[in-house]
Amino acid sequence: MLINSGELIKISDLVFHRSSLEKLKVSIQNYKLQHGPKIDVAAFKDLTGVSRKYAIPLLEFMDRQRITRRNGDVREIL
């Protein structure tokens, strides 16, 4: 029900609250302003405080949303 309403968003086999993903988008844009347009998995983990188990699906979601674009081992922040 909460997924259907859009309040929760399913990413892979994980579920995240919409507001958390919105905050993540802002954090990524702030990272870009401070550190430049590229972020790797290690930096993303440090930024978010999540493990690789969560970081990879979140980064793939950001790629699909066109917030980031994968280029080898790094993501370009769009």
C-alpha atoms as a PDB file:
ATOM      1  CA  MET A   1       0.000   0.000   0.000  1.00  0.00           C
ATOM      2  CA  LEU A   2       2.741   2.501   0.894  1.00  0.00           C
ATOM      3  CA  ILE A   3       4.698   1.464  -2.192  1.00  0.00           C
ATOM      4  CA  ASN A   4       1.607   1.971  -4.366  1.00  0.00           C
ATOM      5  CA  SER A   5       1.070   5.435  -2.868  1.00  0.00           C
ATOM      6  CA  GLY A   6       4.678   6.369  -3.652  1.00  0.00           C
ATOM      7  CA  GLU A   7       5.613   7.008  -0.033  1.00  0.00           C
ATOM      8  CA  LEU A   8       7.986   4.036  -0.093  1.00  0.00           C
ATOM      9  CA  ILE A   9      10.151   3.214  -3.097  1.00  0.00           C
ATOM     10  CA  LYS A  10      11.365  -0.287  -3.840  1.00  0.00           C
ATOM     11  CA  ILE A  11      14.916  -0.495  -5.151  1.00  0.00           C
ATOM     12  CA  SER A  12      16.075  -4.005  -5.955  1.00  0.00           C
ATOM     13  CA  ASP A  13      14.907  -5.995  -2.921  1.00  0.00           C
ATOM     14  CA  LEU A  14      15.214  -2.979  -0.606  1.00  0.00           C
ATOM     15  CA  VAL A  15      12.619  -0.361   0.360  1.00  0.00           C
ATOM     16  CA  PHE A  16      13.359   3.315   1.068  1.00  0.00           C
ATOM     17  CA  HIS A  17      11.192   6.220   2.177  1.00  0.00           C
ATOM     18  CA  ARG A  18      10.704   8.833  -0.541  1.00  0.00           C
ATOM     19  CA  SER A  19      11.916  11.675   1.704  1.00  0.00           C
ATOM     20  CA  SER A  20      15.177   9.821   2.393  1.00  0.00           C
ATOM     21  CA  LEU A  21      15.828   9.529  -1.332  1.00  0.00           C
ATOM     22  CA  GLU A  22      15.063  13.225  -1.812  1.00  0.00           C
ATOM     23  CA  LYS A  23      17.582  14.079   0.926  1.00  0.00           C
ATOM     24  CA  LEU A  24      20.099  11.794  -0.771  1.00  0.00           C
ATOM     25  CA  LYS A  25      19.670  13.705  -4.048  1.00  0.00           C
ATOM     26  CA  VAL A  26      20.421  16.967  -2.231  1.00  0.00           C
ATOM     27  CA  SER A  27      23.454  15.407  -0.530  1.00  0.00           C
ATOM     28  CA  ILE A  28      24.826  14.244  -3.872  1.00  0.00           C
ATOM     29  CA  GLN A  29      24.404  17.709  -5.397  1.00  0.00           C
ATOM     30  CA  ASN A  30      26.139  19.263  -2.370  1.00  0.00           C
ATOM     31  CA  TYR A  31      28.953  16.725  -2.754  1.00  0.00           C
ATOM     32  CA  LYS A  32      29.335  17.822  -6.372  1.00  0.00           C
ATOM     33  CA  LEU A  33      29.693  21.472  -5.327  1.00  0.00           C
ATOM     34  CA  GLN A  34      32.356  20.646  -2.735  1.00  0.00           C
ATOM     35  CA  HIS A  35      34.303  17.811  -4.396  1.00  0.00           C
ATOM     36  CA  GLY A  36      33.621  17.996  -8.114  1.00  0.00           C
ATOM     37  CA  PRO A  37      31.411  16.049 -10.519  1.00  0.00           C
ATOM     38  CA  LYS A  38      32.637  12.504  -9.817  1.00  0.00           C
ATOM     39  CA  ILE A  39      31.940  10.126  -6.942  1.00  0.00           C
ATOM     40  CA  ASP A  40      33.093   6.558  -6.414  1.00  0.00           C
ATOM     41  CA  VAL A  41      31.494   3.858  -4.280  1.00  0.00           C
ATOM     42  CA  ALA A  42      33.825   4.485  -1.328  1.00  0.00           C
ATOM     43  CA  ALA A  43      33.025   8.216  -1.285  1.00  0.00           C
ATOM     44  CA  PHE A  44      29.302   7.456  -1.636  1.00  0.00           C
ATOM     45  CA  LYS A  45      29.506   5.073   1.329  1.00  0.00           C
ATOM     46  CA  ASP A  46      31.248   7.772   3.381  1.00  0.00           C
ATOM     47  CA  LEU A  47      28.690  10.375   2.313  1.00  0.00           C
ATOM     48  CA  THR A  48      25.683   8.233   3.192  1.00  0.00           C
ATOM     49  CA  GLY A  49      27.004   6.016   5.980  1.00  0.00           C
ATOM     50  CA  VAL A  50      25.646   2.881   4.292  1.00  0.00           C
ATOM     51  CA  SER A  51      27.374  -0.390   3.497  1.00  0.00           C
ATOM     52  CA  ARG A  52      28.185  -1.556  -0.019  1.00  0.00           C
ATOM     53  CA  LYS A  53      25.058  -3.776   0.141  1.00  0.00           C
ATOM     54  CA  TYR A  54      22.932  -0.609   0.109  1.00  0.00           C
ATOM     55  CA  ALA A  55      25.291   1.705  -1.772  1.00  0.00           C
ATOM     56  CA  ILE A  56      25.269  -0.213  -5.064  1.00  0.00           C
ATOM     57  CA  PRO A  57      21.446  -0.415  -5.416  1.00  0.00           C
ATOM     58  CA  LEU A  58      21.157   3.254  -4.431  1.00  0.00           C
ATOM     59  CA  LEU A  59      23.755   4.292  -7.002  1.00  0.00           C
ATOM     60  CA  GLU A  60      22.022   2.211  -9.680  1.00  0.00           C
ATOM     61  CA  PHE A  61      18.742   3.929  -8.764  1.00  0.00           C
ATOM     62  CA  MET A  62      20.437   7.331  -9.054  1.00  0.00           C
ATOM     63  CA  ASP A  63      21.705   6.280 -12.501  1.00  0.00           C
ATOM     64  CA  ARG A  64      18.163   5.376 -13.593  1.00  0.00           C
ATOM     65  CA  GLN A  65      16.882   8.705 -12.262  1.00  0.00           C
ATOM     66  CA  ARG A  66      19.623  10.486 -14.261  1.00  0.00           C
ATOM     67  CA  ILE A  67      21.106  12.027 -11.142  1.00  0.00           C
ATOM     68  CA  THR A  68      24.336  10.142 -11.782  1.00  0.00           C
ATOM     69  CA  ARG A  69      25.815   8.282 -14.730  1.00  0.00           C
ATOM     70  CA  ARG A  70      28.163   5.338 -14.322  1.00  0.00           C
ATOM     71  CA  ASN A  71      31.501   5.617 -16.073  1.00  0.00           C
ATOM     72  CA  GLY A  72      33.649   2.631 -15.120  1.00  0.00           C
ATOM     73  CA  ASP A  73      34.247   2.627 -11.371  1.00  0.00           C
ATOM     74  CA  VAL A  74      32.974   6.163 -10.793  1.00  0.00           C
ATOM     75  CA  ARG A  75      29.710   8.022 -11.192  1.00  0.00           C
ATOM     76  CA  GLU A  76      29.434  11.383 -12.879  1.00  0.00           C
ATOM     77  CA  ILE A  77      27.012  13.593 -10.975  1.00  0.00           C
ATOM     78  CA  LEU A  78      24.715  15.231 -13.530  1.00  0.00           C
END
